[in-house]
Amino acid sequence: MQPDDNDRLAPRGTVLLQARCRKSSWHVFPVELGDLSQGGCSIVGSGESFAVGEVVRLTFANLKPIEAQVRWVVEGTAGVEFRAALKARVIDELSAVYGISG
């Protein structure tokens, strides 16, 4: 079940970013992010399946890997919550480069 916007730390902005997802030291694969906020993002393009509660590490843009926990999965899309929220400055920089729209 997807959360409504009232359950989120910050509103998510629409984006289409390529990322790398790591489930373990040997299991790394490409994904696409569909939206992004300080507190999390959605994974919209992946050939892999996700399970609620699963911990993953995402690498995108020029950021260090970000640890996240899968919070929901619906029809091939997963929502993840970052273990440590991104700073507002990082979201602003990503918005300027990747055109994140709210």
Protein backbone atom coordinates (compact mmCIF):
# COMPACT_ATOMS: atom_id res chain seq x y z
CA MET A 1 0.00 0.00 0.00
CA GLN A 2 1.37 3.40 -0.96
CA PRO A 3 1.44 6.03 1.77
CA ASP A 4 -0.38 9.27 1.25
CA ASP A 5 1.63 12.49 1.26
CA ASN A 6 0.71 13.11 4.92
CA ASP A 7 2.89 10.13 5.94
CA ARG A 8 6.04 11.57 4.37
CA LEU A 9 8.84 13.64 5.88
CA ALA A 10 8.76 15.96 2.84
CA PRO A 11 6.78 16.08 -0.41
CA ARG A 12 8.35 14.13 -3.26
CA GLY A 13 9.20 15.74 -6.58
CA THR A 14 8.90 13.92 -9.89
CA VAL A 15 12.21 12.91 -11.42
CA LEU A 16 13.62 10.25 -13.70
CA LEU A 17 17.08 9.34 -12.45
CA GLN A 18 19.20 6.33 -13.25
CA ALA A 19 20.59 4.67 -10.12
CA ARG A 20 22.38 1.55 -8.96
CA CYS A 21 20.75 -0.58 -6.29
CA ARG A 22 22.73 -2.93 -4.05
CA LYS A 23 20.98 -5.70 -2.13
CA SER A 24 24.23 -7.41 -1.07
CA SER A 25 27.94 -7.20 -1.80
CA TRP A 26 27.45 -9.22 -4.99
CA HIS A 27 23.90 -8.28 -6.04
CA VAL A 28 23.99 -4.87 -7.76
CA PHE A 29 21.63 -3.83 -10.57
CA PRO A 30 20.34 -0.71 -12.37
CA VAL A 31 17.05 0.98 -11.38
CA GLU A 32 15.14 4.14 -12.25
CA LEU A 33 13.88 6.51 -9.59
CA GLY A 34 10.46 8.08 -10.24
CA ASP A 35 10.28 10.61 -7.44
CA LEU A 36 12.56 11.92 -4.72
CA SER A 37 12.44 13.82 -1.44
CA GLN A 38 14.65 14.31 1.57
CA GLY A 39 13.12 11.22 3.17
CA GLY A 40 12.90 8.73 0.32
CA CYS A 41 12.13 7.89 -3.28
CA SER A 42 10.27 5.47 -5.48
CA ILE A 43 11.91 2.85 -7.67
CA VAL A 44 9.86 2.62 -10.86
CA GLY A 45 12.09 0.77 -13.27
CA SER A 46 13.72 -2.48 -12.25
CA GLY A 47 13.84 -6.06 -13.36
CA GLU A 48 14.26 -7.07 -9.71
CA SER A 49 11.60 -7.60 -7.09
CA PHE A 50 11.56 -5.94 -3.67
CA ALA A 51 10.08 -6.98 -0.32
CA VAL A 52 8.69 -4.68 2.35
CA GLY A 53 11.30 -4.29 5.11
CA GLU A 54 14.21 -5.12 2.83
CA VAL A 55 17.28 -2.86 3.18
CA VAL A 56 19.00 -1.63 0.00
CA ARG A 57 21.73 0.86 -0.88
CA LEU A 58 21.10 3.31 -3.71
CA THR A 59 23.74 5.24 -5.63
CA PHE A 60 22.67 8.08 -7.93
CA ALA A 61 23.89 11.44 -9.19
CA ASN A 62 27.23 12.11 -7.50
CA LEU A 63 26.07 11.10 -4.03
CA LYS A 64 27.62 8.51 -1.74
CA PRO A 65 25.55 5.32 -1.42
CA ILE A 66 22.32 5.91 0.52
CA GLU A 67 20.91 3.16 2.71
CA ALA A 68 17.14 2.80 2.52
CA GLN A 69 14.39 0.47 3.67
CA VAL A 70 11.58 -0.68 1.38
CA ARG A 71 8.29 0.59 2.85
CA TRP A 72 5.80 -0.47 0.16
CA VAL A 73 5.62 -2.43 -3.10
CA VAL A 74 2.81 -2.07 -5.65
CA GLU A 75 2.82 -3.63 -9.14
CA GLY A 76 6.56 -3.44 -9.76
CA THR A 77 7.08 -0.08 -8.06
CA ALA A 78 8.71 0.21 -4.63
CA GLY A 79 8.83 3.08 -2.17
CA VAL A 80 11.90 3.39 0.01
CA GLU A 81 12.64 5.49 3.06
CA PHE A 82 16.21 6.71 3.51
CA ARG A 83 17.79 5.71 6.82
CA ALA A 84 19.25 9.24 7.05
CA ALA A 85 17.32 12.05 5.37
CA LEU A 86 19.02 13.99 2.58
CA LYS A 87 19.76 17.62 3.36
CA ALA A 88 17.51 20.24 1.73
CA ARG A 89 20.61 21.63 0.00
CA VAL A 90 21.16 18.26 -1.74
CA ILE A 91 17.56 18.22 -2.99
CA ASP A 92 17.98 21.80 -4.25
CA GLU A 93 21.17 20.85 -6.13
CA LEU A 94 19.53 17.77 -7.65
CA SER A 95 16.52 19.89 -8.66
CA ALA A 96 18.78 22.34 -10.46
CA VAL A 97 20.63 19.61 -12.36
CA TYR A 98 17.86 17.04 -12.95
CA GLY A 99 14.76 19.24 -13.05
CA ILE A 100 12.85 17.70 -10.17
CA SER A 101 9.31 19.05 -10.26
CA GLY A 102 6.88 19.00 -7.35
